[in-house]
Amino acid sequence: MNIYNLRYFVTLARIRQYTKAAEELCITQPSLSHAISQMEKELGVRLFEKNGHKITLTQFGEEFLSYAEKTLDVLDDGIDSIKRSAMGNGTIRLGLVRPLGINYVPEMAAAFIKKNPQLDIDFTFHTDVTGRLLDDMQLGKYDLLFCSKPSEEYHFTAEPVMKQRLVLITPKGHPLAKKKKRNINLAETADYPYVCFDKNSGIRSIFDEMLKRSDITVKVAYETEEDQVIAGLVANGFGIAVVPYMDILEKMSVEIFEIKSPEYERSFYMVSNNSTYMSPVVEAFRNFVIENSSVLKAL
């Protein structure tokens, strides 16, 4: 029994006449009769019985019809869904670090939908720290990530899409804040405890590299994942910190310093896994981001 036989059976059950059913199916009447005979032989029961020039379903035919129709409905729904995806419709599963969820990723997603009004496009958005996002991409949970650069062990493709400015913050009244200049060398901060991003955060590796290049070690007093939590801890005297610049810092009880030395580059990346199939809609969005990335244009 195959899918064609099921379609033949359902069509014949609806029309109840071999000649007309064969015409609708674009096959010969003997071919239709043979297919139904083979189905009845395989099932071990009669599905149809003659009633003059027409045929009717037996009780087994009536029962089997409900199953055949459900099977074809599910199959047809699946075929329609796959065809829609092949045309560029579908869902794009994004993982992202929180700072990119404020403006960058929502704006990119909205612009992509606006550019493709003829398509049925959905997004899912999930925020986390870079380390866990990368691990979850390996498990197939995301189509694309927007996060820090992955290490080579992941074997992912990463395209830089956005640069981020880092600043040093201290509490109001901190010894460093008494200096008139508003830029600083990290080497000047070696004597003060830090509030740091934890080791799952992409920014932590950048901070550690900055310390190494400044040839200093510092006391890590506290660790956490959220940049605004770090800023809150600094504002309340728990230490100093290197954080991404955020507008909210201007309203908090902190002093803000530009980092003059060491030089650094903090970029966010769009990450994809080339070892897994990328649907047409995901590939289209990925290309859209690349085409509209100011960072890539500058390289």
C-alpha atoms as a PDB file:
ATOM      1  CA  MET A   1       0.000   0.000   0.000  1.00  0.00           C
ATOM      2  CA  ASN A   2       1.329   3.461  -0.850  1.00  0.00           C
ATOM      3  CA  ILE A   3       0.191   7.060  -0.735  1.00  0.00           C
ATOM      4  CA  TYR A   4      -1.224   6.883  -4.252  1.00  0.00           C
ATOM      5  CA  ASN A   5      -3.430   3.948  -3.286  1.00  0.00           C
ATOM      6  CA  LEU A   6      -4.781   5.946  -0.341  1.00  0.00           C
ATOM      7  CA  ARG A   7      -5.639   8.856  -2.627  1.00  0.00           C
ATOM      8  CA  TYR A   8      -7.277   6.472  -5.102  1.00  0.00           C
ATOM      9  CA  PHE A   9      -9.352   4.932  -2.322  1.00  0.00           C
ATOM     10  CA  VAL A  10     -10.506   8.270  -0.863  1.00  0.00           C
ATOM     11  CA  THR A  11     -11.404   9.632  -4.310  1.00  0.00           C
ATOM     12  CA  LEU A  12     -13.387   6.506  -5.200  1.00  0.00           C
ATOM     13  CA  ALA A  13     -15.139   6.586  -1.819  1.00  0.00           C
ATOM     14  CA  ARG A  14     -16.228  10.164  -2.537  1.00  0.00           C
ATOM     15  CA  ILE A  15     -17.353   9.689  -6.152  1.00  0.00           C
ATOM     16  CA  ARG A  16     -18.645   6.096  -5.820  1.00  0.00           C
ATOM     17  CA  GLN A  17     -18.092   5.371  -9.521  1.00  0.00           C
ATOM     18  CA  TYR A  18     -14.968   3.817 -11.048  1.00  0.00           C
ATOM     19  CA  THR A  19     -15.046   5.566 -14.414  1.00  0.00           C
ATOM     20  CA  LYS A  20     -15.520   9.099 -13.036  1.00  0.00           C
ATOM     21  CA  ALA A  21     -13.016   8.503 -10.213  1.00  0.00           C
ATOM     22  CA  ALA A  22     -10.412   7.280 -12.713  1.00  0.00           C
ATOM     23  CA  GLU A  23     -10.990  10.364 -14.875  1.00  0.00           C
ATOM     24  CA  GLU A  24     -10.484  12.676 -11.905  1.00  0.00           C
ATOM     25  CA  LEU A  25      -7.334  10.805 -10.911  1.00  0.00           C
ATOM     26  CA  CYS A  26      -6.053  10.849 -14.524  1.00  0.00           C
ATOM     27  CA  ILE A  27      -5.513   7.093 -14.551  1.00  0.00           C
ATOM     28  CA  THR A  28      -7.202   4.234 -16.382  1.00  0.00           C
ATOM     29  CA  GLN A  29     -10.154   2.422 -14.850  1.00  0.00           C
ATOM     30  CA  PRO A  30      -8.273  -0.932 -14.832  1.00  0.00           C
ATOM     31  CA  SER A  31      -5.415   0.734 -12.936  1.00  0.00           C
ATOM     32  CA  LEU A  32      -7.847   2.041 -10.326  1.00  0.00           C
ATOM     33  CA  SER A  33      -9.581  -1.348 -10.023  1.00  0.00           C
ATOM     34  CA  HIS A  34      -6.220  -3.073  -9.624  1.00  0.00           C
ATOM     35  CA  ALA A  35      -5.097  -0.632  -6.917  1.00  0.00           C
ATOM     36  CA  ILE A  36      -8.314  -1.109  -4.910  1.00  0.00           C
ATOM     37  CA  SER A  37      -8.091  -4.890  -5.332  1.00  0.00           C
ATOM     38  CA  GLN A  38      -4.516  -4.845  -4.026  1.00  0.00           C
ATOM     39  CA  MET A  39      -5.554  -2.769  -0.998  1.00  0.00           C
ATOM     40  CA  GLU A  40      -8.395  -5.171  -0.180  1.00  0.00           C
ATOM     41  CA  LYS A  41      -6.013  -8.114  -0.527  1.00  0.00           C
ATOM     42  CA  GLU A  42      -3.487  -6.474   1.796  1.00  0.00           C
ATOM     43  CA  LEU A  43      -6.117  -5.542   4.384  1.00  0.00           C
ATOM     44  CA  GLY A  44      -7.928  -8.863   4.138  1.00  0.00           C
ATOM     45  CA  VAL A  45     -11.419  -7.299   3.853  1.00  0.00           C
ATOM     46  CA  ARG A  46     -13.693  -5.863   1.173  1.00  0.00           C
ATOM     47  CA  LEU A  47     -13.761  -2.058   1.093  1.00  0.00           C
ATOM     48  CA  PHE A  48     -16.446  -1.623  -1.590  1.00  0.00           C
ATOM     49  CA  GLU A  49     -19.453  -3.544  -2.800  1.00  0.00           C
ATOM     50  CA  LYS A  50     -21.448  -3.064  -5.993  1.00  0.00           C
ATOM     51  CA  ASN A  51     -24.915  -1.574  -5.880  1.00  0.00           C
ATOM     52  CA  GLY A  52     -26.174  -1.491  -9.460  1.00  0.00           C
ATOM     53  CA  HIS A  53     -24.052   0.872 -11.519  1.00  0.00           C
ATOM     54  CA  LYS A  54     -22.655   2.469  -8.395  1.00  0.00           C
ATOM     55  CA  ILE A  55     -20.589   1.183  -5.515  1.00  0.00           C
ATOM     56  CA  THR A  56     -20.918   1.664  -1.775  1.00  0.00           C
ATOM     57  CA  LEU A  57     -18.498   1.340   1.107  1.00  0.00           C
ATOM     58  CA  THR A  58     -18.641  -1.693   3.315  1.00  0.00           C
ATOM     59  CA  GLN A  59     -18.507  -1.215   7.070  1.00  0.00           C
ATOM     60  CA  PHE A  60     -14.743  -1.837   6.818  1.00  0.00           C
ATOM     61  CA  GLY A  61     -14.510   0.692   4.018  1.00  0.00           C
ATOM     62  CA  GLU A  62     -16.300   3.307   6.140  1.00  0.00           C
ATOM     63  CA  GLU A  63     -13.907   2.675   9.035  1.00  0.00           C
ATOM     64  CA  PHE A  64     -10.807   2.737   6.844  1.00  0.00           C
ATOM     65  CA  LEU A  65     -11.977   5.930   5.097  1.00  0.00           C
ATOM     66  CA  SER A  66     -11.767   7.950   8.319  1.00  0.00           C
ATOM     67  CA  TYR A  67      -8.167   6.808   8.876  1.00  0.00           C
ATOM     68  CA  ALA A  68      -7.175   7.378   5.250  1.00  0.00           C
ATOM     69  CA  GLU A  69      -8.624  10.909   5.228  1.00  0.00           C
ATOM     70  CA  LYS A  70      -6.845  11.809   8.488  1.00  0.00           C
ATOM     71  CA  THR A  71      -3.570  10.427   7.134  1.00  0.00           C
ATOM     72  CA  LEU A  72      -3.845  12.422   3.917  1.00  0.00           C
ATOM     73  CA  ASP A  73      -4.864  15.578   5.778  1.00  0.00           C
ATOM     74  CA  VAL A  74      -1.779  15.364   7.992  1.00  0.00           C
ATOM     75  CA  LEU A  75       0.443  14.604   5.015  1.00  0.00           C
ATOM     76  CA  ASP A  76      -1.020  17.449   2.945  1.00  0.00           C
ATOM     77  CA  ASP A  77      -0.579  19.866   5.838  1.00  0.00           C
ATOM     78  CA  GLY A  78       3.049  18.788   6.076  1.00  0.00           C
ATOM     79  CA  ILE A  79       3.564  19.216   2.332  1.00  0.00           C
ATOM     80  CA  ASP A  80       1.988  22.696   2.446  1.00  0.00           C
ATOM     81  CA  SER A  81       4.161  23.684   5.405  1.00  0.00           C
ATOM     82  CA  ILE A  82       7.366  22.534   3.723  1.00  0.00           C
ATOM     83  CA  LYS A  83       6.429  24.269   0.470  1.00  0.00           C
ATOM     84  CA  ARG A  84       5.711  27.486   2.386  1.00  0.00           C
ATOM     85  CA  SER A  85       9.116  27.241   4.046  1.00  0.00           C
ATOM     86  CA  ALA A  86      10.768  26.631   0.684  1.00  0.00           C
ATOM     87  CA  MET A  87       9.142  29.849  -0.573  1.00  0.00           C
ATOM     88  CA  GLY A  88      10.762  31.833   2.257  1.00  0.00           C
ATOM     89  CA  ASN A  89       8.063  31.647   4.920  1.00  0.00           C
ATOM     90  CA  GLY A  90       8.636  30.248   8.391  1.00  0.00           C
ATOM     91  CA  THR A  91      10.075  30.864  11.829  1.00  0.00           C
ATOM     92  CA  ILE A  92      13.555  32.213  12.623  1.00  0.00           C
ATOM     93  CA  ARG A  93      14.846  31.195  16.059  1.00  0.00           C
ATOM     94  CA  LEU A  94      17.234  33.798  17.443  1.00  0.00           C
ATOM     95  CA  GLY A  95      19.452  33.675  20.517  1.00  0.00           C
ATOM     96  CA  LEU A  96      20.977  36.955  21.664  1.00  0.00           C
ATOM     97  CA  VAL A  97      22.762  38.697  24.477  1.00  0.00           C
ATOM     98  CA  ARG A  98      20.584  41.204  26.307  1.00  0.00           C
ATOM     99  CA  PRO A  99      22.245  44.457  25.097  1.00  0.00           C
ATOM    100  CA  LEU A 100      21.396  43.552  21.495  1.00  0.00           C
ATOM    101  CA  GLY A 101      17.765  42.950  22.438  1.00  0.00           C
ATOM    102  CA  ILE A 102      17.175  46.608  23.240  1.00  0.00           C
ATOM    103  CA  ASN A 103      17.533  48.013  19.724  1.00  0.00           C
ATOM    104  CA  TYR A 104      19.735  46.162  17.270  1.00  0.00           C
ATOM    105  CA  VAL A 105      18.052  42.761  16.875  1.00  0.00           C
ATOM    106  CA  PRO A 106      14.425  44.021  17.119  1.00  0.00           C
ATOM    107  CA  GLU A 107      15.157  46.717  14.542  1.00  0.00           C
ATOM    108  CA  MET A 108      16.789  44.210  12.171  1.00  0.00           C
ATOM    109  CA  ALA A 109      13.874  41.779  12.536  1.00  0.00           C
ATOM    110  CA  ALA A 110      11.266  44.502  11.982  1.00  0.00           C
ATOM    111  CA  ALA A 111      13.108  45.816   8.913  1.00  0.00           C
ATOM    112  CA  PHE A 112      13.320  42.297   7.440  1.00  0.00           C
ATOM    113  CA  ILE A 113       9.581  41.734   7.891  1.00  0.00           C
ATOM    114  CA  LYS A 114       8.836  45.134   6.378  1.00  0.00           C
ATOM    115  CA  LYS A 115      11.009  44.323   3.351  1.00  0.00           C
ATOM    116  CA  ASN A 116       9.139  41.030   2.784  1.00  0.00           C
ATOM    117  CA  PRO A 117       5.418  41.834   3.278  1.00  0.00           C
ATOM    118  CA  GLN A 118       4.389  38.990   0.970  1.00  0.00           C
ATOM    119  CA  LEU A 119       5.909  36.377   3.277  1.00  0.00           C
ATOM    120  CA  ASP A 120       4.645  34.894   6.529  1.00  0.00           C
ATOM    121  CA  ILE A 121       7.661  35.326   8.814  1.00  0.00           C
ATOM    122  CA  ASP A 122       7.849  34.747  12.560  1.00  0.00           C
ATOM    123  CA  PHE A 123      10.706  35.234  15.015  1.00  0.00           C
ATOM    124  CA  THR A 124      11.434  33.744  18.409  1.00  0.00           C
ATOM    125  CA  PHE A 125      13.824  35.629  20.687  1.00  0.00           C
ATOM    126  CA  HIS A 126      15.744  34.187  23.632  1.00  0.00           C
ATOM    127  CA  THR A 127      18.326  36.061  25.686  1.00  0.00           C
ATOM    128  CA  ASP A 128      21.208  34.537  27.622  1.00  0.00           C
ATOM    129  CA  VAL A 129      24.942  34.904  28.095  1.00  0.00           C
ATOM    130  CA  THR A 130      27.205  33.982  25.196  1.00  0.00           C
ATOM    131  CA  GLY A 131      28.509  30.706  26.637  1.00  0.00           C
ATOM    132  CA  ARG A 132      25.097  29.145  27.118  1.00  0.00           C
ATOM    133  CA  LEU A 133      23.821  30.461  23.782  1.00  0.00           C
ATOM    134  CA  LEU A 134      26.692  28.759  21.974  1.00  0.00           C
ATOM    135  CA  ASP A 135      26.138  25.487  23.824  1.00  0.00           C
ATOM    136  CA  ASP A 136      22.435  25.590  22.979  1.00  0.00           C
ATOM    137  CA  MET A 137      23.195  26.257  19.304  1.00  0.00           C
ATOM    138  CA  GLN A 138      25.195  23.033  19.272  1.00  0.00           C
ATOM    139  CA  LEU A 139      22.012  21.313  20.467  1.00  0.00           C
ATOM    140  CA  GLY A 140      20.057  22.813  17.564  1.00  0.00           C
ATOM    141  CA  LYS A 141      17.952  25.226  19.622  1.00  0.00           C
ATOM    142  CA  TYR A 142      18.731  28.308  17.519  1.00  0.00           C
ATOM    143  CA  ASP A 143      19.118  29.225  13.875  1.00  0.00           C
ATOM    144  CA  LEU A 144      21.260  32.309  14.482  1.00  0.00           C
ATOM    145  CA  LEU A 145      22.958  33.914  17.460  1.00  0.00           C
ATOM    146  CA  PHE A 146      23.883  37.533  18.153  1.00  0.00           C
ATOM    147  CA  CYS A 147      26.586  37.464  20.795  1.00  0.00           C
ATOM    148  CA  SER A 148      30.315  37.652  21.467  1.00  0.00           C
ATOM    149  CA  LYS A 149      32.744  35.874  19.160  1.00  0.00           C
ATOM    150  CA  PRO A 150      32.755  32.098  19.701  1.00  0.00           C
ATOM    151  CA  SER A 151      35.999  30.266  20.350  1.00  0.00           C
ATOM    152  CA  GLU A 152      37.388  28.036  17.598  1.00  0.00           C
ATOM    153  CA  GLU A 153      36.303  24.879  19.414  1.00  0.00           C
ATOM    154  CA  TYR A 154      32.697  25.487  18.295  1.00  0.00           C
ATOM    155  CA  HIS A 155      33.528  25.515  14.566  1.00  0.00           C
ATOM    156  CA  PHE A 156      30.817  28.128  13.979  1.00  0.00           C
ATOM    157  CA  THR A 157      30.797  30.929  11.412  1.00  0.00           C
ATOM    158  CA  ALA A 158      30.835  34.408  12.983  1.00  0.00           C
ATOM    159  CA  GLU A 159      30.300  37.728  11.194  1.00  0.00           C
ATOM    160  CA  PRO A 160      30.955  40.996  13.081  1.00  0.00           C
ATOM    161  CA  VAL A 161      27.803  43.123  13.018  1.00  0.00           C
ATOM    162  CA  MET A 162      28.146  45.749  15.746  1.00  0.00           C
ATOM    163  CA  LYS A 163      30.852  47.380  17.841  1.00  0.00           C
ATOM    164  CA  GLN A 164      30.412  48.231  21.506  1.00  0.00           C
ATOM    165  CA  ARG A 165      32.074  50.921  23.576  1.00  0.00           C
ATOM    166  CA  LEU A 166      33.457  49.898  26.962  1.00  0.00           C
ATOM    167  CA  VAL A 167      33.917  52.297  29.888  1.00  0.00           C
ATOM    168  CA  LEU A 168      35.248  52.121  33.421  1.00  0.00           C
ATOM    169  CA  ILE A 169      32.807  53.081  36.152  1.00  0.00           C
ATOM    170  CA  THR A 170      33.454  53.878  39.810  1.00  0.00           C
ATOM    171  CA  PRO A 171      31.229  54.965  42.684  1.00  0.00           C
ATOM    172  CA  LYS A 172      30.818  58.682  43.294  1.00  0.00           C
ATOM    173  CA  GLY A 173      33.584  59.887  45.609  1.00  0.00           C
ATOM    174  CA  HIS A 174      35.939  57.028  44.687  1.00  0.00           C
ATOM    175  CA  PRO A 175      39.667  57.935  44.757  1.00  0.00           C
ATOM    176  CA  LEU A 176      39.858  57.518  40.971  1.00  0.00           C
ATOM    177  CA  ALA A 177      36.884  59.852  40.588  1.00  0.00           C
ATOM    178  CA  LYS A 178      38.791  62.684  42.263  1.00  0.00           C
ATOM    179  CA  LYS A 179      40.993  62.971  39.186  1.00  0.00           C
ATOM    180  CA  LYS A 180      39.921  65.725  36.826  1.00  0.00           C
ATOM    181  CA  LYS A 181      40.552  63.748  33.642  1.00  0.00           C
ATOM    182  CA  ARG A 182      37.772  61.563  32.339  1.00  0.00           C
ATOM    183  CA  ASN A 183      39.932  58.970  30.614  1.00  0.00           C
ATOM    184  CA  ILE A 184      42.062  56.350  32.294  1.00  0.00           C
ATOM    185  CA  ASN A 185      44.643  53.616  31.823  1.00  0.00           C
ATOM    186  CA  LEU A 186      43.530  50.332  33.345  1.00  0.00           C
ATOM    187  CA  ALA A 187      46.987  50.043  34.875  1.00  0.00           C
ATOM    188  CA  GLU A 188      45.890  52.796  37.288  1.00  0.00           C
ATOM    189  CA  THR A 189      43.119  50.555  38.695  1.00  0.00           C
ATOM    190  CA  ALA A 190      45.239  47.649  39.966  1.00  0.00           C
ATOM    191  CA  ASP A 191      44.754  48.546  43.645  1.00  0.00           C
ATOM    192  CA  TYR A 192      40.949  48.527  43.590  1.00  0.00           C
ATOM    193  CA  PRO A 193      38.497  45.605  43.783  1.00  0.00           C
ATOM    194  CA  TYR A 194      36.365  44.892  40.721  1.00  0.00           C
ATOM    195  CA  VAL A 195      32.807  43.802  40.092  1.00  0.00           C
ATOM    196  CA  CYS A 196      33.111  41.587  37.006  1.00  0.00           C
ATOM    197  CA  PHE A 197      31.020  39.707  34.494  1.00  0.00           C
ATOM    198  CA  ASP A 198      31.089  35.998  35.192  1.00  0.00           C
ATOM    199  CA  LYS A 199      33.101  33.610  33.050  1.00  0.00           C
ATOM    200  CA  ASN A 200      30.121  32.588  30.869  1.00  0.00           C
ATOM    201  CA  SER A 201      29.904  36.134  29.552  1.00  0.00           C
ATOM    202  CA  GLY A 202      31.740  37.009  26.344  1.00  0.00           C
ATOM    203  CA  ILE A 203      32.858  40.333  27.771  1.00  0.00           C
ATOM    204  CA  ARG A 204      34.782  38.600  30.575  1.00  0.00           C
ATOM    205  CA  SER A 205      37.390  37.196  28.193  1.00  0.00           C
ATOM    206  CA  ILE A 206      37.865  40.663  26.691  1.00  0.00           C
ATOM    207  CA  PHE A 207      38.294  42.179  30.161  1.00  0.00           C
ATOM    208  CA  ASP A 208      40.824  39.496  31.144  1.00  0.00           C
ATOM    209  CA  GLU A 209      42.790  40.187  27.963  1.00  0.00           C
ATOM    210  CA  MET A 210      42.748  43.925  28.727  1.00  0.00           C
ATOM    211  CA  LEU A 211      44.207  43.235  32.177  1.00  0.00           C
ATOM    212  CA  LYS A 212      46.877  40.992  30.658  1.00  0.00           C
ATOM    213  CA  ARG A 213      47.878  43.677  28.179  1.00  0.00           C
ATOM    214  CA  SER A 214      47.986  46.215  31.019  1.00  0.00           C
ATOM    215  CA  ASP A 215      50.281  43.807  32.908  1.00  0.00           C
ATOM    216  CA  ILE A 216      48.167  43.894  36.068  1.00  0.00           C
ATOM    217  CA  THR A 217      46.081  41.554  38.170  1.00  0.00           C
ATOM    218  CA  VAL A 218      43.090  42.752  40.138  1.00  0.00           C
ATOM    219  CA  LYS A 219      40.941  41.470  42.959  1.00  0.00           C
ATOM    220  CA  VAL A 220      37.586  40.216  41.680  1.00  0.00           C
ATOM    221  CA  ALA A 221      35.271  40.988  44.577  1.00  0.00           C
ATOM    222  CA  TYR A 222      31.972  40.026  42.914  1.00  0.00           C
ATOM    223  CA  GLU A 223      30.787  38.358  39.709  1.00  0.00           C
ATOM    224  CA  THR A 224      27.408  38.499  37.989  1.00  0.00           C
ATOM    225  CA  GLU A 225      25.891  38.225  34.503  1.00  0.00           C
ATOM    226  CA  GLU A 226      23.903  41.445  34.049  1.00  0.00           C
ATOM    227  CA  ASP A 227      25.521  44.744  33.109  1.00  0.00           C
ATOM    228  CA  GLN A 228      22.899  46.831  34.924  1.00  0.00           C
ATOM    229  CA  VAL A 229      23.348  44.742  38.078  1.00  0.00           C
ATOM    230  CA  ILE A 230      27.090  45.401  37.901  1.00  0.00           C
ATOM    231  CA  ALA A 231      26.422  49.118  37.545  1.00  0.00           C
ATOM    232  CA  GLY A 232      24.109  48.993  40.556  1.00  0.00           C
ATOM    233  CA  LEU A 233      26.725  47.253  42.661  1.00  0.00           C
ATOM    234  CA  VAL A 234      29.339  49.816  41.652  1.00  0.00           C
ATOM    235  CA  ALA A 235      26.983  52.685  42.471  1.00  0.00           C
ATOM    236  CA  ASN A 236      26.619  51.258  45.971  1.00  0.00           C
ATOM    237  CA  GLY A 237      30.324  50.904  46.638  1.00  0.00           C
ATOM    238  CA  PHE A 238      30.967  47.217  45.970  1.00  0.00           C
ATOM    239  CA  GLY A 239      33.862  47.932  43.587  1.00  0.00           C
ATOM    240  CA  ILE A 240      34.707  49.358  40.187  1.00  0.00           C
ATOM    241  CA  ALA A 241      33.913  47.770  36.824  1.00  0.00           C
ATOM    242  CA  VAL A 242      34.457  47.739  33.076  1.00  0.00           C
ATOM    243  CA  VAL A 243      31.038  47.666  31.412  1.00  0.00           C
ATOM    244  CA  PRO A 244      29.454  48.478  28.057  1.00  0.00           C
ATOM    245  CA  TYR A 245      28.381  52.090  27.887  1.00  0.00           C
ATOM    246  CA  MET A 246      24.639  52.425  28.584  1.00  0.00           C
ATOM    247  CA  ASP A 247      22.494  55.563  28.725  1.00  0.00           C
ATOM    248  CA  ILE A 248      21.309  54.522  32.190  1.00  0.00           C
ATOM    249  CA  LEU A 249      24.824  55.081  33.552  1.00  0.00           C
ATOM    250  CA  GLU A 250      24.292  58.844  33.211  1.00  0.00           C
ATOM    251  CA  LYS A 251      21.423  58.622  35.713  1.00  0.00           C
ATOM    252  CA  MET A 252      23.224  56.442  38.271  1.00  0.00           C
ATOM    253  CA  SER A 253      25.548  57.363  41.111  1.00  0.00           C
ATOM    254  CA  VAL A 254      28.685  56.428  39.196  1.00  0.00           C
ATOM    255  CA  GLU A 255      31.603  58.176  37.533  1.00  0.00           C
ATOM    256  CA  ILE A 256      32.291  57.238  33.898  1.00  0.00           C
ATOM    257  CA  PHE A 257      35.780  57.030  32.386  1.00  0.00           C
ATOM    258  CA  GLU A 258      36.837  56.447  28.800  1.00  0.00           C
ATOM    259  CA  ILE A 259      39.459  53.697  28.612  1.00  0.00           C
ATOM    260  CA  LYS A 260      42.568  55.198  27.035  1.00  0.00           C
ATOM    261  CA  SER A 261      44.763  52.140  27.420  1.00  0.00           C
ATOM    262  CA  PRO A 262      44.962  49.329  26.545  1.00  0.00           C
ATOM    263  CA  GLU A 263      43.342  49.509  23.130  1.00  0.00           C
ATOM    264  CA  TYR A 264      40.534  47.004  22.748  1.00  0.00           C
ATOM    265  CA  GLU A 265      37.855  45.933  20.338  1.00  0.00           C
ATOM    266  CA  ARG A 266      34.488  44.763  21.602  1.00  0.00           C
ATOM    267  CA  SER A 267      32.341  43.510  18.747  1.00  0.00           C
ATOM    268  CA  PHE A 268      29.147  41.558  18.577  1.00  0.00           C
ATOM    269  CA  TYR A 269      28.793  38.797  16.012  1.00  0.00           C
ATOM    270  CA  MET A 270      26.080  37.004  14.108  1.00  0.00           C
ATOM    271  CA  VAL A 271      26.840  33.323  14.579  1.00  0.00           C
ATOM    272  CA  SER A 272      25.619  30.431  12.447  1.00  0.00           C
ATOM    273  CA  ASN A 273      26.278  26.702  12.409  1.00  0.00           C
ATOM    274  CA  ASN A 274      27.215  25.602   8.902  1.00  0.00           C
ATOM    275  CA  SER A 275      27.037  21.939   9.861  1.00  0.00           C
ATOM    276  CA  THR A 276      23.231  22.139  10.055  1.00  0.00           C
ATOM    277  CA  TYR A 277      20.731  22.932   7.292  1.00  0.00           C
ATOM    278  CA  MET A 278      19.704  26.577   7.064  1.00  0.00           C
ATOM    279  CA  SER A 279      16.144  27.101   5.835  1.00  0.00           C
ATOM    280  CA  PRO A 280      15.519  29.645   3.050  1.00  0.00           C
ATOM    281  CA  VAL A 281      13.974  32.202   5.434  1.00  0.00           C
ATOM    282  CA  VAL A 282      16.902  31.931   7.877  1.00  0.00           C
ATOM    283  CA  GLU A 283      19.424  32.250   5.052  1.00  0.00           C
ATOM    284  CA  ALA A 284      17.560  35.275   3.689  1.00  0.00           C
ATOM    285  CA  PHE A 285      17.594  36.972   7.100  1.00  0.00           C
ATOM    286  CA  ARG A 286      21.282  36.184   7.576  1.00  0.00           C
ATOM    287  CA  ASN A 287      22.086  37.768   4.201  1.00  0.00           C
ATOM    288  CA  PHE A 288      19.894  40.755   5.065  1.00  0.00           C
ATOM    289  CA  VAL A 289      21.845  41.365   8.280  1.00  0.00           C
ATOM    290  CA  ILE A 290      25.166  41.089   6.464  1.00  0.00           C
ATOM    291  CA  GLU A 291      24.024  43.533   3.777  1.00  0.00           C
ATOM    292  CA  ASN A 292      22.895  46.042   6.404  1.00  0.00           C
ATOM    293  CA  SER A 293      25.792  45.753   8.853  1.00  0.00           C
ATOM    294  CA  SER A 294      27.797  48.953   9.148  1.00  0.00           C
ATOM    295  CA  VAL A 295      30.646  47.021  10.798  1.00  0.00           C
ATOM    296  CA  LEU A 296      31.031  44.695   7.833  1.00  0.00           C
ATOM    297  CA  LYS A 297      30.880  47.613   5.406  1.00  0.00           C
ATOM    298  CA  ALA A 298      33.709  49.279   7.283  1.00  0.00           C
ATOM    299  CA  LEU A 299      36.009  46.245   7.085  1.00  0.00           C
END
